[in-house]
Amino acid sequence: MDILNSVIEARQAQLRQSALCTYIGDAAVAPYQRLSFVPAMMFFTMGFKDILAALRDEHDNSPLQQSVHQHCDEDSFHWQWYLEDLARIDHGRRLLGVPPAQAFTEVWGPEHRATREVVYHGIFLAKTHRTPFLRMAIIEALEATFACFNEPMYRLVGELGLSDRLDYFGKVHQHAEANHAKDQEGVEQDGVEGSGYLLRIGEFETAVGLVNELFDVFEDMFDCWYRARSEAPSLPMAA
């Protein structure tokens, strides 16, 4: 939505400078080593579909809510790609190879609370703010925050020559996001005005607050993932 662009772009500029995004693009670190934090993404990647489910309203047939549904439909299954990549990357196989109780304890441990908080807070916001405009603001913020991660990650995976072998971190996801953006361009090119939606009093200010809240929790999550990076040697890919 164009009316939120300035707020989103300002927060994106800040998030792109995070320790995590900088680390992913740091040529001084061995390229494959920069994937070492990938297991820390587990809870977020699996829980993202629950945020999307909370944004749905099957009783609302308005154009703006239908656009929300389109976003949800196109993103709700990406966790499957992550699990496939986790089994292909040596850093991920380490998590998958430990006893389940140990793996679950790690994912739900205090060191990963910031990752879980993104899912919990995202669901809370989705269930609290029930107008199509605010739901779309949440969608836009979620996509904008993760775009800051995807940009250096796709470059890194390309540098490693793994774009065709990884799905979530490679061309499958990248092409899906590109097509998603192209499909939405026609639907949202006129913004809220084009959908016929009339903003309620204070709704824009609330949307700005939602964008900032989501960027705040994503900053904490990215810091959590950065702290989860490992210096242990690893093999590039599964055979």
Foldseek 3Di string as FASTA:
>chain_A
DVVCVVLLVVLLVVLLPAPLVCLCQDPVDPLLLNCLLLLLLLLLLQLVLVLLVLLADPVDPFLLNVLSVLLSVLRNPLSVLSVVVLCWFFSSVVLVVDPPVVSVCVNPDPLSVLSNVLSVVSSVQSNPDRDSVLSVLSSVLVVSSCVSVLVSLAVSCVVVVCQVPGQSSHDVVVVSVVVSVVVCCVSDVVHPVSSVDDDDVCRVVVSSVSSVVSSVSSSVNSVSSSVSRDPDDGDGTDD
